[in-house]
Amino acid sequence: QQMGFNERTEARMDRLESHVSGLNAGQT
């Protein structure tokens, strides 16, 4: 269960990181 949770968390963090990167690019 924890492995699945960690995978979902990592995927969510990846999406968040991608979103933040997009925001930074937009701000630039």
mmCIF file of all heavy atoms, coordinates in Angstrom:
data_MODEL
# 
_entry.id   MODEL 
# 
loop_
_atom_site.group_PDB 
_atom_site.id 
_atom_site.type_symbol 
_atom_site.label_atom_id 
_atom_site.label_alt_id 
_atom_site.label_comp_id 
_atom_site.label_asym_id 
_atom_site.label_entity_id 
_atom_site.label_seq_id 
_atom_site.pdbx_PDB_ins_code 
_atom_site.Cartn_x 
_atom_site.Cartn_y 
_atom_site.Cartn_z 
_atom_site.occupancy 
_atom_site.B_iso_or_equiv 
_atom_site.pdbx_formal_charge 
_atom_site.auth_seq_id 
_atom_site.auth_comp_id 
_atom_site.auth_asym_id 
_atom_site.auth_atom_id 
_atom_site.pdbx_PDB_model_num 
ATOM 1   N N   . GLN A 1 1  ? 0.829  -1.210 0.000   1.00 0.00 ? 1  GLN A N   1 
ATOM 2   C CA  . GLN A 1 1  ? 0.000  0.000  0.000   1.00 0.00 ? 1  GLN A CA  1 
ATOM 3   C C   . GLN A 1 1  ? 0.864  1.260  0.000   1.00 0.00 ? 1  GLN A C   1 
ATOM 4   O O   . GLN A 1 1  ? 0.588  2.219  -0.732  1.00 0.00 ? 1  GLN A O   1 
ATOM 5   C CB  . GLN A 1 1  ? -0.921 -0.013 1.209   1.00 0.00 ? 1  GLN A CB  1 
ATOM 6   C CG  . GLN A 1 1  ? -1.859 1.189  1.277   1.00 0.00 ? 1  GLN A CG  1 
ATOM 7   C CD  . GLN A 1 1  ? -2.712 1.161  2.533   1.00 0.00 ? 1  GLN A CD  1 
ATOM 8   O OE1 . GLN A 1 1  ? -2.460 0.370  3.440   1.00 0.00 ? 1  GLN A OE1 1 
ATOM 9   N NE2 . GLN A 1 1  ? -3.719 2.015  2.581   1.00 0.00 ? 1  GLN A NE2 1 
ATOM 10  N N   . GLN A 1 2  ? 1.934  1.257  0.831   1.00 0.00 ? 2  GLN A N   1 
ATOM 11  C CA  . GLN A 1 2  ? 2.813  2.417  0.897   1.00 0.00 ? 2  GLN A CA  1 
ATOM 12  C C   . GLN A 1 2  ? 3.546  2.643  -0.409  1.00 0.00 ? 2  GLN A C   1 
ATOM 13  O O   . GLN A 1 2  ? 3.754  3.781  -0.837  1.00 0.00 ? 2  GLN A O   1 
ATOM 14  C CB  . GLN A 1 2  ? 3.823  2.244  2.052   1.00 0.00 ? 2  GLN A CB  1 
ATOM 15  C CG  . GLN A 1 2  ? 3.205  2.386  3.435   1.00 0.00 ? 2  GLN A CG  1 
ATOM 16  C CD  . GLN A 1 2  ? 2.552  3.739  3.611   1.00 0.00 ? 2  GLN A CD  1 
ATOM 17  O OE1 . GLN A 1 2  ? 3.163  4.770  3.375   1.00 0.00 ? 2  GLN A OE1 1 
ATOM 18  N NE2 . GLN A 1 2  ? 1.282  3.740  4.025   1.00 0.00 ? 2  GLN A NE2 1 
ATOM 19  N N   . MET A 1 3  ? 3.935  1.549  -1.042  1.00 0.00 ? 3  MET A N   1 
ATOM 20  C CA  . MET A 1 3  ? 4.601  1.695  -2.337  1.00 0.00 ? 3  MET A CA  1 
ATOM 21  C C   . MET A 1 3  ? 3.678  2.360  -3.346  1.00 0.00 ? 3  MET A C   1 
ATOM 22  O O   . MET A 1 3  ? 4.080  3.244  -4.094  1.00 0.00 ? 3  MET A O   1 
ATOM 23  C CB  . MET A 1 3  ? 5.058  0.326  -2.837  1.00 0.00 ? 3  MET A CB  1 
ATOM 24  C CG  . MET A 1 3  ? 6.221  -0.271 -2.033  1.00 0.00 ? 3  MET A CG  1 
ATOM 25  S SD  . MET A 1 3  ? 6.684  -1.925 -2.612  1.00 0.00 ? 3  MET A SD  1 
ATOM 26  C CE  . MET A 1 3  ? 7.187  -1.566 -4.285  1.00 0.00 ? 3  MET A CE  1 
ATOM 27  N N   . GLY A 1 4  ? 2.416  1.919  -3.336  1.00 0.00 ? 4  GLY A N   1 
ATOM 28  C CA  . GLY A 1 4  ? 1.460  2.551  -4.237  1.00 0.00 ? 4  GLY A CA  1 
ATOM 29  C C   . GLY A 1 4  ? 1.234  4.007  -3.892  1.00 0.00 ? 4  GLY A C   1 
ATOM 30  O O   . GLY A 1 4  ? 1.145  4.868  -4.778  1.00 0.00 ? 4  GLY A O   1 
ATOM 31  N N   . PHE A 1 5  ? 1.153  4.300  -2.575  1.00 0.00 ? 5  PHE A N   1 
ATOM 32  C CA  . PHE A 1 5  ? 0.984  5.692  -2.134  1.00 0.00 ? 5  PHE A CA  1 
ATOM 33  C C   . PHE A 1 5  ? 2.157  6.544  -2.564  1.00 0.00 ? 5  PHE A C   1 
ATOM 34  O O   . PHE A 1 5  ? 1.998  7.686  -3.043  1.00 0.00 ? 5  PHE A O   1 
ATOM 35  C CB  . PHE A 1 5  ? 0.825  5.721  -0.613  1.00 0.00 ? 5  PHE A CB  1 
ATOM 36  C CG  . PHE A 1 5  ? 0.774  7.084  -0.037  1.00 0.00 ? 5  PHE A CG  1 
ATOM 37  C CD1 . PHE A 1 5  ? -0.361 7.866  -0.118  1.00 0.00 ? 5  PHE A CD1 1 
ATOM 38  C CD2 . PHE A 1 5  ? 1.905  7.636  0.581   1.00 0.00 ? 5  PHE A CD2 1 
ATOM 39  C CE1 . PHE A 1 5  ? -0.389 9.149  0.396   1.00 0.00 ? 5  PHE A CE1 1 
ATOM 40  C CE2 . PHE A 1 5  ? 1.875  8.909  1.100   1.00 0.00 ? 5  PHE A CE2 1 
ATOM 41  C CZ  . PHE A 1 5  ? 0.738  9.667  1.011   1.00 0.00 ? 5  PHE A CZ  1 
ATOM 42  N N   . ASN A 1 6  ? 3.381  5.975  -2.368  1.00 0.00 ? 6  ASN A N   1 
ATOM 43  C CA  . ASN A 1 6  ? 4.584  6.729  -2.748  1.00 0.00 ? 6  ASN A CA  1 
ATOM 44  C C   . ASN A 1 6  ? 4.618  6.989  -4.246  1.00 0.00 ? 6  ASN A C   1 
ATOM 45  O O   . ASN A 1 6  ? 5.017  8.065  -4.694  1.00 0.00 ? 6  ASN A O   1 
ATOM 46  C CB  . ASN A 1 6  ? 5.836  5.968  -2.317  1.00 0.00 ? 6  ASN A CB  1 
ATOM 47  C CG  . ASN A 1 6  ? 6.018  5.970  -0.811  1.00 0.00 ? 6  ASN A CG  1 
ATOM 48  O OD1 . ASN A 1 6  ? 5.464  6.821  -0.109  1.00 0.00 ? 6  ASN A OD1 1 
ATOM 49  N ND2 . ASN A 1 6  ? 6.784  5.020  -0.288  1.00 0.00 ? 6  ASN A ND2 1 
ATOM 50  N N   . GLU A 1 7  ? 4.210  5.977  -5.007  1.00 0.00 ? 7  GLU A N   1 
ATOM 51  C CA  . GLU A 1 7  ? 4.193  6.170  -6.463  1.00 0.00 ? 7  GLU A CA  1 
ATOM 52  C C   . GLU A 1 7  ? 3.216  7.265  -6.858  1.00 0.00 ? 7  GLU A C   1 
ATOM 53  O O   . GLU A 1 7  ? 3.503  8.103  -7.710  1.00 0.00 ? 7  GLU A O   1 
ATOM 54  C CB  . GLU A 1 7  ? 3.834  4.849  -7.146  1.00 0.00 ? 7  GLU A CB  1 
ATOM 55  C CG  . GLU A 1 7  ? 4.947  3.802  -7.062  1.00 0.00 ? 7  GLU A CG  1 
ATOM 56  C CD  . GLU A 1 7  ? 4.513  2.482  -7.664  1.00 0.00 ? 7  GLU A CD  1 
ATOM 57  O OE1 . GLU A 1 7  ? 3.324  2.391  -8.078  1.00 0.00 ? 7  GLU A OE1 1 
ATOM 58  O OE2 . GLU A 1 7  ? 5.338  1.558  -7.723  1.00 0.00 ? 7  GLU A OE2 1 
ATOM 59  N N   . ARG A 1 8  ? 2.018  7.241  -6.218  1.00 0.00 ? 8  ARG A N   1 
ATOM 60  C CA  . ARG A 1 8  ? 1.035  8.289  -6.519  1.00 0.00 ? 8  ARG A CA  1 
ATOM 61  C C   . ARG A 1 8  ? 1.539  9.660  -6.082  1.00 0.00 ? 8  ARG A C   1 
ATOM 62  O O   . ARG A 1 8  ? 1.345  10.664 -6.770  1.00 0.00 ? 8  ARG A O   1 
ATOM 63  C CB  . ARG A 1 8  ? -0.297 7.964  -5.834  1.00 0.00 ? 8  ARG A CB  1 
ATOM 64  C CG  . ARG A 1 8  ? -1.015 6.760  -6.432  1.00 0.00 ? 8  ARG A CG  1 
ATOM 65  C CD  . ARG A 1 8  ? -2.455 6.690  -5.927  1.00 0.00 ? 8  ARG A CD  1 
ATOM 66  N NE  . ARG A 1 8  ? -2.540 6.561  -4.489  1.00 0.00 ? 8  ARG A NE  1 
ATOM 67  C CZ  . ARG A 1 8  ? -2.493 5.399  -3.837  1.00 0.00 ? 8  ARG A CZ  1 
ATOM 68  N NH1 . ARG A 1 8  ? -2.351 4.258  -4.513  1.00 0.00 ? 8  ARG A NH1 1 
ATOM 69  N NH2 . ARG A 1 8  ? -2.597 5.351  -2.518  1.00 0.00 ? 8  ARG A NH2 1 
ATOM 70  N N   . THR A 1 9  ? 2.206  9.693  -4.900  1.00 0.00 ? 9  THR A N   1 
ATOM 71  C CA  . THR A 1 9  ? 2.750  10.963 -4.409  1.00 0.00 ? 9  THR A CA  1 
ATOM 72  C C   . THR A 1 9  ? 3.825  11.495 -5.342  1.00 0.00 ? 9  THR A C   1 
ATOM 73  O O   . THR A 1 9  ? 3.861  12.687 -5.670  1.00 0.00 ? 9  THR A O   1 
ATOM 74  C CB  . THR A 1 9  ? 3.333  10.780 -2.999  1.00 0.00 ? 9  THR A CB  1 
ATOM 75  O OG1 . THR A 1 9  ? 2.295  10.310 -2.125  1.00 0.00 ? 9  THR A OG1 1 
ATOM 76  C CG2 . THR A 1 9  ? 3.889  12.094 -2.474  1.00 0.00 ? 9  THR A CG2 1 
ATOM 77  N N   . GLU A 1 10 ? 4.722  10.596 -5.779  1.00 0.00 ? 10 GLU A N   1 
ATOM 78  C CA  . GLU A 1 10 ? 5.785  11.014 -6.694  1.00 0.00 ? 10 GLU A CA  1 
ATOM 79  C C   . GLU A 1 10 ? 5.200  11.514 -8.010  1.00 0.00 ? 10 GLU A C   1 
ATOM 80  O O   . GLU A 1 10 ? 5.668  12.512 -8.575  1.00 0.00 ? 10 GLU A O   1 
ATOM 81  C CB  . GLU A 1 10 ? 6.735  9.850  -6.939  1.00 0.00 ? 10 GLU A CB  1 
ATOM 82  C CG  . GLU A 1 10 ? 7.612  9.508  -5.725  1.00 0.00 ? 10 GLU A CG  1 
ATOM 83  C CD  . GLU A 1 10 ? 8.488  8.304  -5.989  1.00 0.00 ? 10 GLU A CD  1 
ATOM 84  O OE1 . GLU A 1 10 ? 8.402  7.757  -7.107  1.00 0.00 ? 10 GLU A OE1 1 
ATOM 85  O OE2 . GLU A 1 10 ? 9.240  7.917  -5.072  1.00 0.00 ? 10 GLU A OE2 1 
ATOM 86  N N   . ALA A 1 11 ? 4.166  10.815 -8.489  1.00 0.00 ? 11 ALA A N   1 
ATOM 87  C CA  . ALA A 1 11 ? 3.529  11.267 -9.736  1.00 0.00 ? 11 ALA A CA  1 
ATOM 88  C C   . ALA A 1 11 ? 2.904  12.640 -9.548  1.00 0.00 ? 11 ALA A C   1 
ATOM 89  O O   . ALA A 1 11 ? 2.988  13.520 -10.423 1.00 0.00 ? 11 ALA A O   1 
ATOM 90  C CB  . ALA A 1 11 ? 2.477  10.249 -10.177 1.00 0.00 ? 11 ALA A CB  1 
ATOM 91  N N   . ARG A 1 12 ? 2.250  12.828 -8.373  1.00 0.00 ? 12 ARG A N   1 
ATOM 92  C CA  . ARG A 1 12 ? 1.634  14.115 -8.091  1.00 0.00 ? 12 ARG A CA  1 
ATOM 93  C C   . ARG A 1 12 ? 2.697  15.210 -7.984  1.00 0.00 ? 12 ARG A C   1 
ATOM 94  O O   . ARG A 1 12 ? 2.512  16.326 -8.476  1.00 0.00 ? 12 ARG A O   1 
ATOM 95  C CB  . ARG A 1 12 ? 0.829  14.033 -6.799  1.00 0.00 ? 12 ARG A CB  1 
ATOM 96  C CG  . ARG A 1 12 ? -0.040 15.261 -6.536  1.00 0.00 ? 12 ARG A CG  1 
ATOM 97  C CD  . ARG A 1 12 ? -0.885 15.080 -5.297  1.00 0.00 ? 12 ARG A CD  1 
ATOM 98  N NE  . ARG A 1 12 ? -1.858 13.999 -5.440  1.00 0.00 ? 12 ARG A NE  1 
ATOM 99  C CZ  . ARG A 1 12 ? -1.804 12.870 -4.745  1.00 0.00 ? 12 ARG A CZ  1 
ATOM 100 N NH1 . ARG A 1 12 ? -0.839 12.671 -3.869  1.00 0.00 ? 12 ARG A NH1 1 
ATOM 101 N NH2 . ARG A 1 12 ? -2.717 11.938 -4.919  1.00 0.00 ? 12 ARG A NH2 1 
ATOM 102 N N   . MET A 1 13 ? 3.834  14.889 -7.327  1.00 0.00 ? 13 MET A N   1 
ATOM 103 C CA  . MET A 1 13 ? 4.924  15.857 -7.198  1.00 0.00 ? 13 MET A CA  1 
ATOM 104 C C   . MET A 1 13 ? 5.511  16.188 -8.572  1.00 0.00 ? 13 MET A C   1 
ATOM 105 O O   . MET A 1 13 ? 5.863  17.336 -8.839  1.00 0.00 ? 13 MET A O   1 
ATOM 106 C CB  . MET A 1 13 ? 6.004  15.303 -6.277  1.00 0.00 ? 13 MET A CB  1 
ATOM 107 C CG  . MET A 1 13 ? 5.601  15.233 -4.805  1.00 0.00 ? 13 MET A CG  1 
ATOM 108 S SD  . MET A 1 13 ? 5.218  16.868 -4.123  1.00 0.00 ? 13 MET A SD  1 
ATOM 109 C CE  . MET A 1 13 ? 6.830  17.645 -4.218  1.00 0.00 ? 13 MET A CE  1 
ATOM 110 N N   . ASP A 1 14 ? 5.604  15.149 -9.429  1.00 0.00 ? 14 ASP A N   1 
ATOM 111 C CA  . ASP A 1 14 ? 6.114  15.408 -10.780 1.00 0.00 ? 14 ASP A CA  1 
ATOM 112 C C   . ASP A 1 14 ? 5.200  16.365 -11.524 1.00 0.00 ? 14 ASP A C   1 
ATOM 113 O O   . ASP A 1 14 ? 5.662  17.280 -12.219 1.00 0.00 ? 14 ASP A O   1 
ATOM 114 C CB  . ASP A 1 14 ? 6.252  14.096 -11.555 1.00 0.00 ? 14 ASP A CB  1 
ATOM 115 C CG  . ASP A 1 14 ? 7.395  13.233 -11.047 1.00 0.00 ? 14 ASP A CG  1 
ATOM 116 O OD1 . ASP A 1 14 ? 8.279  13.789 -10.361 1.00 0.00 ? 14 ASP A OD1 1 
ATOM 117 O OD2 . ASP A 1 14 ? 7.403  12.024 -11.329 1.00 0.00 ? 14 ASP A OD2 1 
ATOM 118 N N   . ARG A 1 15 ? 3.858  16.132 -11.385 1.00 0.00 ? 15 ARG A N   1 
ATOM 119 C CA  . ARG A 1 15 ? 2.914  17.025 -12.051 1.00 0.00 ? 15 ARG A CA  1 
ATOM 120 C C   . ARG A 1 15 ? 3.011  18.435 -11.489 1.00 0.00 ? 15 ARG A C   1 
ATOM 121 O O   . ARG A 1 15 ? 2.963  19.427 -12.226 1.00 0.00 ? 15 ARG A O   1 
ATOM 122 C CB  . ARG A 1 15 ? 1.491  16.489 -11.903 1.00 0.00 ? 15 ARG A CB  1 
ATOM 123 C CG  . ARG A 1 15 ? 1.214  15.222 -12.703 1.00 0.00 ? 15 ARG A CG  1 
ATOM 124 C CD  . ARG A 1 15 ? -0.278 14.959 -12.804 1.00 0.00 ? 15 ARG A CD  1 
ATOM 125 N NE  . ARG A 1 15 ? -0.887 14.763 -11.505 1.00 0.00 ? 15 ARG A NE  1 
ATOM 126 C CZ  . ARG A 1 15 ? -0.989 13.586 -10.899 1.00 0.00 ? 15 ARG A CZ  1 
ATOM 127 N NH1 . ARG A 1 15 ? -0.495 12.491 -11.470 1.00 0.00 ? 15 ARG A NH1 1 
ATOM 128 N NH2 . ARG A 1 15 ? -1.584 13.477 -9.716  1.00 0.00 ? 15 ARG A NH2 1 
ATOM 129 N N   . LEU A 1 16 ? 3.170  18.523 -10.148 1.00 0.00 ? 16 LEU A N   1 
ATOM 130 C CA  . LEU A 1 16 ? 3.294  19.830 -9.513  1.00 0.00 ? 16 LEU A CA  1 
ATOM 131 C C   . LEU A 1 16 ? 4.571  20.539 -9.966  1.00 0.00 ? 16 LEU A C   1 
ATOM 132 O O   . LEU A 1 16 ? 4.562  21.737 -10.260 1.00 0.00 ? 16 LEU A O   1 
ATOM 133 C CB  . LEU A 1 16 ? 3.298  19.666 -7.991  1.00 0.00 ? 16 LEU A CB  1 
ATOM 134 C CG  . LEU A 1 16 ? 3.449  20.950 -7.159  1.00 0.00 ? 16 LEU A CG  1 
ATOM 135 C CD1 . LEU A 1 16 ? 2.295  21.916 -7.447  1.00 0.00 ? 16 LEU A CD1 1 
ATOM 136 C CD2 . LEU A 1 16 ? 3.510  20.626 -5.671  1.00 0.00 ? 16 LEU A CD2 1 
ATOM 137 N N   . GLU A 1 17 ? 5.656  19.759 -10.039 1.00 0.00 ? 17 GLU A N   1 
ATOM 138 C CA  . GLU A 1 17 ? 6.927  20.335 -10.485 1.00 0.00 ? 17 GLU A CA  1 
ATOM 139 C C   . GLU A 1 17 ? 6.816  20.846 -11.911 1.00 0.00 ? 17 GLU A C   1 
ATOM 140 O O   . GLU A 1 17 ? 7.316  21.930 -12.259 1.00 0.00 ? 17 GLU A O   1 
ATOM 141 C CB  . GLU A 1 17 ? 8.003  19.247 -10.409 1.00 0.00 ? 17 GLU A CB  1 
ATOM 142 C CG  . GLU A 1 17 ? 9.387  19.788 -10.045 1.00 0.00 ? 17 GLU A CG  1 
ATOM 143 C CD  . GLU A 1 17 ? 10.356 18.654 -9.817  1.00 0.00 ? 17 GLU A CD  1 
ATOM 144 O OE1 . GLU A 1 17 ? 10.292 18.058 -8.735  1.00 0.00 ? 17 GLU A OE1 1 
ATOM 145 O OE2 . GLU A 1 17 ? 11.149 18.364 -10.729 1.00 0.00 ? 17 GLU A OE2 1 
ATOM 146 N N   . SER A 1 18 ? 6.147  20.065 -12.758 1.00 0.00 ? 18 SER A N   1 
ATOM 147 C CA  . SER A 1 18 ? 5.951  20.474 -14.150 1.00 0.00 ? 18 SER A CA  1 
ATOM 148 C C   . SER A 1 18 ? 5.105  21.739 -14.220 1.00 0.00 ? 18 SER A C   1 
ATOM 149 O O   . SER A 1 18 ? 5.380  22.648 -15.020 1.00 0.00 ? 18 SER A O   1 
ATOM 150 C CB  . SER A 1 18 ? 5.286  19.337 -14.920 1.00 0.00 ? 18 SER A CB  1 
ATOM 151 O OG  . SER A 1 18 ? 5.000  19.725 -16.239 1.00 0.00 ? 18 SER A OG  1 
ATOM 152 N N   . HIS A 1 19 ? 4.082  21.798 -13.356 1.00 0.00 ? 19 HIS A N   1 
ATOM 153 C CA  . HIS A 1 19 ? 3.216  22.988 -13.328 1.00 0.00 ? 19 HIS A CA  1 
ATOM 154 C C   . HIS A 1 19 ? 4.001  24.216 -12.883 1.00 0.00 ? 19 HIS A C   1 
ATOM 155 O O   . HIS A 1 19 ? 3.890  25.294 -13.495 1.00 0.00 ? 19 HIS A O   1 
ATOM 156 C CB  . HIS A 1 19 ? 2.052  22.732 -12.377 1.00 0.00 ? 19 HIS A CB  1 
ATOM 157 C CG  . HIS A 1 19 ? 1.089  23.880 -12.291 1.00 0.00 ? 19 HIS A CG  1 
ATOM 158 N ND1 . HIS A 1 19 ? 0.342  24.317 -13.370 1.00 0.00 ? 19 HIS A ND1 1 
ATOM 159 C CD2 . HIS A 1 19 ? 0.751  24.694 -11.251 1.00 0.00 ? 19 HIS A CD2 1 
ATOM 160 C CE1 . HIS A 1 19 ? -0.406 25.338 -13.007 1.00 0.00 ? 19 HIS A CE1 1 
ATOM 161 N NE2 . HIS A 1 19 ? -0.180 25.592 -11.726 1.00 0.00 ? 19 HIS A NE2 1 
ATOM 162 N N   . VAL A 1 20 ? 4.820  24.052 -11.827 1.00 0.00 ? 20 VAL A N   1 
ATOM 163 C CA  . VAL A 1 20 ? 5.631  25.175 -11.343 1.00 0.00 ? 20 VAL A CA  1 
ATOM 164 C C   . VAL A 1 20 ? 6.621  25.608 -12.405 1.00 0.00 ? 20 VAL A C   1 
ATOM 165 O O   . VAL A 1 20 ? 6.847  26.807 -12.630 1.00 0.00 ? 20 VAL A O   1 
ATOM 166 C CB  . VAL A 1 20 ? 6.366  24.784 -10.042 1.00 0.00 ? 20 VAL A CB  1 
ATOM 167 C CG1 . VAL A 1 20 ? 7.385  25.844 -9.660  1.00 0.00 ? 20 VAL A CG1 1 
ATOM 168 C CG2 . VAL A 1 20 ? 5.366  24.584 -8.910  1.00 0.00 ? 20 VAL A CG2 1 
ATOM 169 N N   . SER A 1 21 ? 7.226  24.634 -13.086 1.00 0.00 ? 21 SER A N   1 
ATOM 170 C CA  . SER A 1 21 ? 8.158  24.965 -14.161 1.00 0.00 ? 21 SER A CA  1 
ATOM 171 C C   . SER A 1 21 ? 7.469  25.763 -15.257 1.00 0.00 ? 21 SER A C   1 
ATOM 172 O O   . SER A 1 21 ? 8.019  26.728 -15.792 1.00 0.00 ? 21 SER A O   1 
ATOM 173 C CB  . SER A 1 21 ? 8.756  23.678 -14.732 1.00 0.00 ? 21 SER A CB  1 
ATOM 174 O OG  . SER A 1 21 ? 9.624  23.956 -15.802 1.00 0.00 ? 21 SER A OG  1 
ATOM 175 N N   . GLY A 1 22 ? 6.219  25.349 -15.573 1.00 0.00 ? 22 GLY A N   1 
ATOM 176 C CA  . GLY A 1 22 ? 5.457  26.104 -16.569 1.00 0.00 ? 22 GLY A CA  1 
ATOM 177 C C   . GLY A 1 22 ? 5.159  27.517 -16.116 1.00 0.00 ? 22 GLY A C   1 
ATOM 178 O O   . GLY A 1 22 ? 5.225  28.462 -16.906 1.00 0.00 ? 22 GLY A O   1 
ATOM 179 N N   . LEU A 1 23 ? 4.827  27.658 -14.819 1.00 0.00 ? 23 LEU A N   1 
ATOM 180 C CA  . LEU A 1 23 ? 4.560  28.997 -14.283 1.00 0.00 ? 23 LEU A CA  1 
ATOM 181 C C   . LEU A 1 23 ? 5.812  29.862 -14.350 1.00 0.00 ? 23 LEU A C   1 
ATOM 182 O O   . LEU A 1 23 ? 5.748  31.045 -14.701 1.00 0.00 ? 23 LEU A O   1 
ATOM 183 C CB  . LEU A 1 23 ? 4.078  28.886 -12.833 1.00 0.00 ? 23 LEU A CB  1 
ATOM 184 C CG  . LEU A 1 23 ? 2.660  28.333 -12.624 1.00 0.00 ? 23 LEU A CG  1 
ATOM 185 C CD1 . LEU A 1 23 ? 2.378  28.206 -11.134 1.00 0.00 ? 23 LEU A CD1 1 
ATOM 186 C CD2 . LEU A 1 23 ? 1.621  29.242 -13.278 1.00 0.00 ? 23 LEU A CD2 1 
ATOM 187 N N   . ASN A 1 24 ? 6.969  29.267 -13.998 1.00 0.00 ? 24 ASN A N   1 
ATOM 188 C CA  . ASN A 1 24 ? 8.222  30.028 -14.045 1.00 0.00 ? 24 ASN A CA  1 
ATOM 189 C C   . ASN A 1 24 ? 8.541  30.462 -15.467 1.00 0.00 ? 24 ASN A C   1 
ATOM 190 O O   . ASN A 1 24 ? 8.992  31.586 -15.702 1.00 0.00 ? 24 ASN A O   1 
ATOM 191 C CB  . ASN A 1 24 ? 9.368  29.186 -13.483 1.00 0.00 ? 24 ASN A CB  1 
ATOM 192 C CG  . ASN A 1 24 ? 9.266  29.002 -11.984 1.00 0.00 ? 24 ASN A CG  1 
ATOM 193 O OD1 . ASN A 1 24 ? 8.633  29.805 -11.296 1.00 0.00 ? 24 ASN A OD1 1 
ATOM 194 N ND2 . ASN A 1 24 ? 9.872  27.962 -11.451 1.00 0.00 ? 24 ASN A ND2 1 
ATOM 195 N N   . ALA A 1 25 ? 8.318  29.539 -16.409 1.00 0.00 ? 25 ALA A N   1 
ATOM 196 C CA  . ALA A 1 25 ? 8.564  29.890 -17.818 1.00 0.00 ? 25 ALA A CA  1 
ATOM 197 C C   . ALA A 1 25 ? 7.638  31.016 -18.257 1.00 0.00 ? 25 ALA A C   1 
ATOM 198 O O   . ALA A 1 25 ? 8.041  31.945 -18.966 1.00 0.00 ? 25 ALA A O   1 
ATOM 199 C CB  . ALA A 1 25 ? 8.378  28.657 -18.699 1.00 0.00 ? 25 ALA A CB  1 
ATOM 200 N N   . GLY A 1 26 ? 6.364  30.923 -17.801 1.00 0.00 ? 26 GLY A N   1 
ATOM 201 C CA  . GLY A 1 26 ? 5.417  31.989 -18.142 1.00 0.00 ? 26 GLY A CA  1 
ATOM 202 C C   . GLY A 1 26 ? 5.819  33.315 -17.538 1.00 0.00 ? 26 GLY A C   1 
ATOM 203 O O   . GLY A 1 26 ? 5.722  34.366 -18.184 1.00 0.00 ? 26 GLY A O   1 
ATOM 204 N N   . GLN A 1 27 ? 6.289  33.274 -16.285 1.00 0.00 ? 27 GLN A N   1 
ATOM 205 C CA  . GLN A 1 27 ? 6.727  34.503 -15.628 1.00 0.00 ? 27 GLN A CA  1 
ATOM 206 C C   . GLN A 1 27 ? 7.930  35.096 -16.345 1.00 0.00 ? 27 GLN A C   1 
ATOM 207 O O   . GLN A 1 27 ? 8.031  36.317 -16.514 1.00 0.00 ? 27 GLN A O   1 
ATOM 208 C CB  . GLN A 1 27 ? 7.079  34.222 -14.169 1.00 0.00 ? 27 GLN A CB  1 
ATOM 209 C CG  . GLN A 1 27 ? 7.515  35.473 -13.396 1.00 0.00 ? 27 GLN A CG  1 
ATOM 210 C CD  . GLN A 1 27 ? 7.822  35.165 -11.950 1.00 0.00 ? 27 GLN A CD  1 
ATOM 211 O OE1 . GLN A 1 27 ? 7.677  34.041 -11.495 1.00 0.00 ? 27 GLN A OE1 1 
ATOM 212 N NE2 . GLN A 1 27 ? 8.278  36.170 -11.221 1.00 0.00 ? 27 GLN A NE2 1 
ATOM 213 N N   . THR A 1 28 ? 8.850  34.219 -16.780 1.00 0.00 ? 28 THR A N   1 
ATOM 214 C CA  . THR A 1 28 ? 10.028 34.699 -17.515 1.00 0.00 ? 28 THR A CA  1 
ATOM 215 C C   . THR A 1 28 ? 9.611  35.388 -18.805 1.00 0.00 ? 28 THR A C   1 
ATOM 216 O O   . THR A 1 28 ? 10.151 36.440 -19.165 1.00 0.00 ? 28 THR A O   1 
ATOM 217 C CB  . THR A 1 28 ? 10.962 33.518 -17.823 1.00 0.00 ? 28 THR A CB  1 
ATOM 218 O OG1 . THR A 1 28 ? 11.392 32.917 -16.589 1.00 0.00 ? 28 THR A OG1 1 
ATOM 219 C CG2 . THR A 1 28 ? 12.194 33.998 -18.589 1.00 0.00 ? 28 THR A CG2 1 
# 
